[in-house]
Amino acid sequence: MELAIVRTTTASCAEAEQIGTAVVHGRLAACVQITGPIRSIYRWKGTVESSDEWICDCKTVPELADTLMERIKTLHSYEVPEIIVLPVMRGHAAYLTWLRGEVDDRPAL
């Protein structure tokens, strides 16, 4: 795996932007793409709920995925946020080089 996408969903665009800015500023992700709103339907504490959410796709390297997940948890408003890691097996060589240059394997939290 050459690249990892750490995905989370948020309750607002402002929260998505806050998380995205923090993880890019902290060099845990080279880029965060925000999509939304999307409609989510889910079961929470025994009840079927639905809400609008925003998706944050954080582009990073596999070796930073765990640290990035921990940072997202500290910034997130949800009691149990969705934070998943999606592997990217291959990509455009120039993009992968750029991405590696924008993240730091010793980020400051």
N, C-alpha and C. Protein backbone atom coordinates (compact mmCIF):
# COMPACT_ATOMS: atom_id res chain seq x y z
N MET A 1 0.85 -1.17 0.00
CA MET A 1 0.00 0.00 0.00
C MET A 1 0.90 1.24 0.00
N GLU A 2 0.65 2.14 -0.91
CA GLU A 2 1.46 3.35 -1.03
C GLU A 2 0.82 4.56 -0.38
N LEU A 3 -0.48 4.53 -0.24
CA LEU A 3 -1.23 5.68 0.24
C LEU A 3 -2.38 5.17 1.08
N ALA A 4 -2.76 5.94 2.08
CA ALA A 4 -3.94 5.60 2.88
C ALA A 4 -4.87 6.80 2.88
N ILE A 5 -6.16 6.52 2.86
CA ILE A 5 -7.17 7.54 3.03
C ILE A 5 -7.84 7.25 4.36
N VAL A 6 -7.72 8.20 5.28
CA VAL A 6 -8.39 8.07 6.57
C VAL A 6 -9.67 8.89 6.44
N ARG A 7 -10.80 8.21 6.56
CA ARG A 7 -12.10 8.84 6.34
C ARG A 7 -12.85 9.00 7.66
N THR A 8 -13.47 10.15 7.80
CA THR A 8 -14.36 10.38 8.92
C THR A 8 -15.56 11.17 8.41
N THR A 9 -16.63 11.14 9.16
CA THR A 9 -17.79 11.97 8.86
C THR A 9 -18.01 12.92 10.02
N THR A 10 -18.55 14.10 9.72
CA THR A 10 -18.78 15.10 10.75
C THR A 10 -20.22 15.62 10.67
N ALA A 11 -20.62 16.30 11.72
CA ALA A 11 -21.98 16.82 11.80
C ALA A 11 -22.16 18.14 11.06
N SER A 12 -21.06 18.81 10.72
CA SER A 12 -21.17 20.10 10.05
C SER A 12 -19.97 20.33 9.14
N CYS A 13 -20.16 21.21 8.19
CA CYS A 13 -19.05 21.59 7.31
C CYS A 13 -17.97 22.30 8.11
N ALA A 14 -18.36 23.11 9.08
CA ALA A 14 -17.38 23.83 9.90
C ALA A 14 -16.51 22.86 10.68
N GLU A 15 -17.10 21.80 11.22
CA GLU A 15 -16.30 20.80 11.94
C GLU A 15 -15.37 20.07 10.98
N ALA A 16 -15.85 19.74 9.80
CA ALA A 16 -15.00 19.09 8.79
C ALA A 16 -13.81 19.98 8.44
N GLU A 17 -14.06 21.27 8.26
CA GLU A 17 -12.98 22.20 7.94
C GLU A 17 -12.00 22.34 9.09
N GLN A 18 -12.51 22.34 10.32
CA GLN A 18 -11.63 22.42 11.48
C GLN A 18 -10.70 21.21 11.55
N ILE A 19 -11.26 20.02 11.38
CA ILE A 19 -10.46 18.80 11.41
C ILE A 19 -9.47 18.80 10.25
N GLY A 20 -9.94 19.13 9.05
CA GLY A 20 -9.06 19.15 7.88
C GLY A 20 -7.90 20.10 8.05
N THR A 21 -8.18 21.30 8.52
CA THR A 21 -7.12 22.29 8.72
C THR A 21 -6.11 21.81 9.75
N ALA A 22 -6.60 21.25 10.84
CA ALA A 22 -5.70 20.79 11.91
C ALA A 22 -4.77 19.68 11.45
N VAL A 23 -5.30 18.70 10.72
CA VAL A 23 -4.45 17.56 10.34
C VAL A 23 -3.49 17.91 9.21
N VAL A 24 -3.89 18.83 8.33
CA VAL A 24 -2.95 19.28 7.29
C VAL A 24 -1.88 20.17 7.93
N HIS A 25 -2.30 21.09 8.79
CA HIS A 25 -1.35 21.96 9.48
C HIS A 25 -0.35 21.12 10.29
N GLY A 26 -0.83 20.05 10.93
CA GLY A 26 0.02 19.17 11.72
C GLY A 26 0.82 18.18 10.90
N ARG A 27 0.71 18.24 9.59
CA ARG A 27 1.43 17.37 8.66
C ARG A 27 1.10 15.89 8.82
N LEU A 28 -0.11 15.61 9.31
CA LEU A 28 -0.59 14.23 9.38
C LEU A 28 -1.27 13.82 8.09
N ALA A 29 -1.71 14.78 7.30
CA ALA A 29 -2.32 14.54 5.99
C ALA A 29 -1.80 15.62 5.05
N ALA A 30 -1.63 15.23 3.79
CA ALA A 30 -1.18 16.19 2.78
C ALA A 30 -2.36 16.98 2.24
N CYS A 31 -3.54 16.38 2.29
CA CYS A 31 -4.73 16.97 1.70
C CYS A 31 -5.94 16.37 2.38
N VAL A 32 -6.97 17.18 2.58
CA VAL A 32 -8.25 16.67 3.07
C VAL A 32 -9.32 17.17 2.13
N GLN A 33 -10.06 16.25 1.56
CA GLN A 33 -11.19 16.61 0.70
C GLN A 33 -12.47 16.45 1.50
N ILE A 34 -13.33 17.48 1.42
CA ILE A 34 -14.58 17.49 2.16
C ILE A 34 -15.74 17.41 1.16
N THR A 35 -16.62 16.47 1.38
CA THR A 35 -17.79 16.26 0.53
C THR A 35 -19.04 16.32 1.39
N GLY A 36 -20.07 16.95 0.87
CA GLY A 36 -21.30 16.95 1.62
C GLY A 36 -22.19 18.12 1.24
N PRO A 37 -23.34 18.14 1.80
CA PRO A 37 -23.80 17.16 2.77
C PRO A 37 -24.23 15.85 2.11
N ILE A 38 -24.11 14.80 2.90
CA ILE A 38 -24.64 13.49 2.54
C ILE A 38 -25.71 13.15 3.57
N ARG A 39 -26.55 12.23 3.27
CA ARG A 39 -27.58 11.80 4.22
C ARG A 39 -27.16 10.44 4.77
N SER A 40 -27.06 10.31 6.06
CA SER A 40 -26.70 9.05 6.71
C SER A 40 -27.89 8.53 7.51
N ILE A 41 -28.13 7.25 7.38
CA ILE A 41 -29.16 6.55 8.15
C ILE A 41 -28.43 5.47 8.94
N TYR A 42 -28.66 5.43 10.24
CA TYR A 42 -27.88 4.54 11.10
C TYR A 42 -28.67 4.21 12.36
N ARG A 43 -28.24 3.16 13.02
CA ARG A 43 -28.84 2.77 14.29
C ARG A 43 -27.94 3.32 15.39
N TRP A 44 -28.53 4.04 16.35
CA TRP A 44 -27.78 4.60 17.46
C TRP A 44 -28.58 4.42 18.74
N LYS A 45 -28.00 3.65 19.66
CA LYS A 45 -28.61 3.40 20.96
C LYS A 45 -30.04 2.87 20.82
N GLY A 46 -30.21 1.93 19.88
CA GLY A 46 -31.48 1.24 19.71
C GLY A 46 -32.51 1.93 18.84
N THR A 47 -32.18 3.08 18.29
CA THR A 47 -33.12 3.84 17.48
C THR A 47 -32.52 4.09 16.10
N VAL A 48 -33.34 4.01 15.08
CA VAL A 48 -32.87 4.36 13.73
C VAL A 48 -32.92 5.88 13.61
N GLU A 49 -31.79 6.45 13.27
CA GLU A 49 -31.63 7.90 13.16
C GLU A 49 -31.25 8.25 11.72
N SER A 50 -31.37 9.50 11.38
CA SER A 50 -30.83 9.99 10.11
C SER A 50 -30.37 11.43 10.32
N SER A 51 -29.33 11.80 9.60
CA SER A 51 -28.80 13.16 9.71
C SER A 51 -27.95 13.49 8.49
N ASP A 52 -27.74 14.78 8.29
CA ASP A 52 -26.81 15.23 7.27
C ASP A 52 -25.41 15.20 7.87
N GLU A 53 -24.45 14.77 7.06
CA GLU A 53 -23.06 14.72 7.48
C GLU A 53 -22.16 15.16 6.34
N TRP A 54 -20.90 15.39 6.68
CA TRP A 54 -19.88 15.72 5.70
C TRP A 54 -18.78 14.68 5.80
N ILE A 55 -18.25 14.26 4.66
CA ILE A 55 -17.16 13.28 4.61
C ILE A 55 -15.84 14.01 4.50
N CYS A 56 -14.88 13.60 5.30
CA CYS A 56 -13.51 14.09 5.20
C CYS A 56 -12.63 12.92 4.77
N ASP A 57 -12.02 13.03 3.61
CA ASP A 57 -11.05 12.05 3.14
C ASP A 57 -9.66 12.65 3.32
N CYS A 58 -8.93 12.12 4.28
CA CYS A 58 -7.61 12.63 4.63
C CYS A 58 -6.56 11.77 3.93
N LYS A 59 -5.80 12.37 3.02
CA LYS A 59 -4.78 11.64 2.26
C LYS A 59 -3.48 11.64 3.04
N THR A 60 -2.97 10.44 3.32
CA THR A 60 -1.77 10.31 4.13
C THR A 60 -0.99 9.08 3.71
N VAL A 61 0.04 8.77 4.46
CA VAL A 61 0.83 7.56 4.23
C VAL A 61 0.46 6.54 5.29
N PRO A 62 0.58 5.27 4.98
CA PRO A 62 0.13 4.23 5.92
C PRO A 62 0.76 4.34 7.30
N GLU A 63 2.02 4.73 7.37
CA GLU A 63 2.69 4.78 8.67
C GLU A 63 2.17 5.89 9.58
N LEU A 64 1.39 6.83 9.05
CA LEU A 64 0.80 7.89 9.87
C LEU A 64 -0.68 7.67 10.17
N ALA A 65 -1.25 6.61 9.64
CA ALA A 65 -2.70 6.40 9.77
C ALA A 65 -3.15 6.31 11.23
N ASP A 66 -2.44 5.58 12.06
CA ASP A 66 -2.85 5.44 13.46
C ASP A 66 -2.78 6.78 14.20
N THR A 67 -1.72 7.52 13.99
CA THR A 67 -1.57 8.83 14.63
C THR A 67 -2.66 9.78 14.15
N LEU A 68 -2.96 9.74 12.86
CA LEU A 68 -4.00 10.58 12.29
C LEU A 68 -5.36 10.22 12.90
N MET A 69 -5.65 8.93 13.04
CA MET A 69 -6.92 8.52 13.66
C MET A 69 -7.03 9.05 15.08
N GLU A 70 -5.96 8.98 15.84
CA GLU A 70 -5.98 9.48 17.22
C GLU A 70 -6.21 10.99 17.25
N ARG A 71 -5.60 11.72 16.33
CA ARG A 71 -5.79 13.18 16.29
C ARG A 71 -7.23 13.52 15.94
N ILE A 72 -7.81 12.81 14.99
CA ILE A 72 -9.20 13.05 14.62
C ILE A 72 -10.10 12.82 15.83
N LYS A 73 -9.85 11.76 16.59
CA LYS A 73 -10.67 11.48 17.77
C LYS A 73 -10.65 12.64 18.77
N THR A 74 -9.50 13.29 18.93
CA THR A 74 -9.41 14.40 19.88
C THR A 74 -10.16 15.63 19.40
N LEU A 75 -10.35 15.77 18.10
CA LEU A 75 -11.01 16.93 17.52
C LEU A 75 -12.50 16.73 17.28
N HIS A 76 -12.94 15.49 17.28
CA HIS A 76 -14.29 15.14 16.82
C HIS A 76 -15.35 15.36 17.89
N SER A 77 -16.54 15.79 17.47
CA SER A 77 -17.64 16.02 18.41
C SER A 77 -18.47 14.77 18.70
N TYR A 78 -18.36 13.75 17.86
CA TYR A 78 -19.18 12.56 18.07
C TYR A 78 -18.65 11.71 19.23
N GLU A 79 -19.57 11.07 19.93
CA GLU A 79 -19.18 10.13 20.98
C GLU A 79 -18.41 8.95 20.39
N VAL A 80 -18.88 8.44 19.25
CA VAL A 80 -18.21 7.34 18.55
C VAL A 80 -18.09 7.73 17.07
N PRO A 81 -17.04 8.45 16.71
CA PRO A 81 -16.92 8.88 15.32
C PRO A 81 -16.54 7.72 14.39
N GLU A 82 -17.04 7.81 13.17
CA GLU A 82 -16.56 6.90 12.13
C GLU A 82 -15.17 7.37 11.75
N ILE A 83 -14.19 6.50 11.92
CA ILE A 83 -12.84 6.76 11.43
C ILE A 83 -12.35 5.44 10.85
N ILE A 84 -12.20 5.40 9.54
CA ILE A 84 -11.76 4.16 8.88
C ILE A 84 -10.58 4.48 7.98
N VAL A 85 -9.76 3.46 7.75
CA VAL A 85 -8.60 3.61 6.87
C VAL A 85 -8.85 2.79 5.61
N LEU A 86 -8.75 3.47 4.48
CA LEU A 86 -8.92 2.82 3.18
C LEU A 86 -7.57 2.74 2.49
N PRO A 87 -7.16 1.55 2.09
CA PRO A 87 -5.87 1.44 1.41
C PRO A 87 -5.97 1.85 -0.06
N VAL A 88 -4.93 2.49 -0.53
CA VAL A 88 -4.78 2.79 -1.96
C VAL A 88 -3.53 2.05 -2.41
N MET A 89 -3.70 1.13 -3.31
CA MET A 89 -2.60 0.24 -3.68
C MET A 89 -1.59 0.89 -4.63
N ARG A 90 -2.09 1.74 -5.52
CA ARG A 90 -1.22 2.39 -6.50
C ARG A 90 -1.75 3.78 -6.77
N GLY A 91 -0.89 4.59 -7.35
CA GLY A 91 -1.31 5.94 -7.71
C GLY A 91 -0.30 6.58 -8.63
N HIS A 92 -0.64 7.75 -9.10
CA HIS A 92 0.23 8.54 -9.97
C HIS A 92 1.52 8.84 -9.22
N ALA A 93 2.65 8.45 -9.79
CA ALA A 93 3.94 8.55 -9.09
C ALA A 93 4.23 9.97 -8.61
N ALA A 94 3.97 10.96 -9.45
CA ALA A 94 4.25 12.34 -9.05
C ALA A 94 3.37 12.76 -7.86
N TYR A 95 2.12 12.32 -7.85
CA TYR A 95 1.22 12.64 -6.74
C TYR A 95 1.72 11.99 -5.46
N LEU A 96 2.12 10.73 -5.53
CA LEU A 96 2.61 10.03 -4.35
C LEU A 96 3.87 10.68 -3.80
N THR A 97 4.74 11.14 -4.69
CA THR A 97 5.95 11.85 -4.27
C THR A 97 5.58 13.15 -3.57
N TRP A 98 4.64 13.89 -4.15
CA TRP A 98 4.19 15.14 -3.52
C TRP A 98 3.61 14.86 -2.14
N LEU A 99 2.74 13.85 -2.06
CA LEU A 99 2.09 13.53 -0.79
C LEU A 99 3.12 13.21 0.28
N ARG A 100 4.07 12.34 -0.02
CA ARG A 100 5.10 11.99 0.95
C ARG A 100 5.88 13.21 1.42
N GLY A 101 6.09 14.15 0.52
CA GLY A 101 6.81 15.36 0.88
C GLY A 101 6.03 16.30 1.78
N GLU A 102 4.71 16.15 1.84
CA GLU A 102 3.86 17.05 2.62
C GLU A 102 3.49 16.51 3.99
N VAL A 103 3.82 15.27 4.28
CA VAL A 103 3.55 14.72 5.60
C VAL A 103 4.88 14.47 6.31
N ASP A 104 4.81 14.41 7.58
CA ASP A 104 6.01 14.24 8.40
C ASP A 104 5.83 12.99 9.23
N ASP A 105 6.83 12.12 9.25
CA ASP A 105 6.67 10.90 10.03
C ASP A 105 6.90 11.13 11.53
N ARG A 106 7.16 12.37 11.91
CA ARG A 106 7.28 12.73 13.32
C ARG A 106 6.44 13.98 13.61
N PRO A 107 5.13 13.92 13.37
CA PRO A 107 4.30 15.12 13.52
C PRO A 107 4.17 15.57 14.97
N ALA A 108 4.03 16.86 15.12
CA ALA A 108 3.76 17.43 16.44
C ALA A 108 2.26 17.45 16.67
N LEU A 109 1.81 16.90 17.77
CA LEU A 109 0.38 16.91 18.10
C LEU A 109 0.13 18.10 19.00
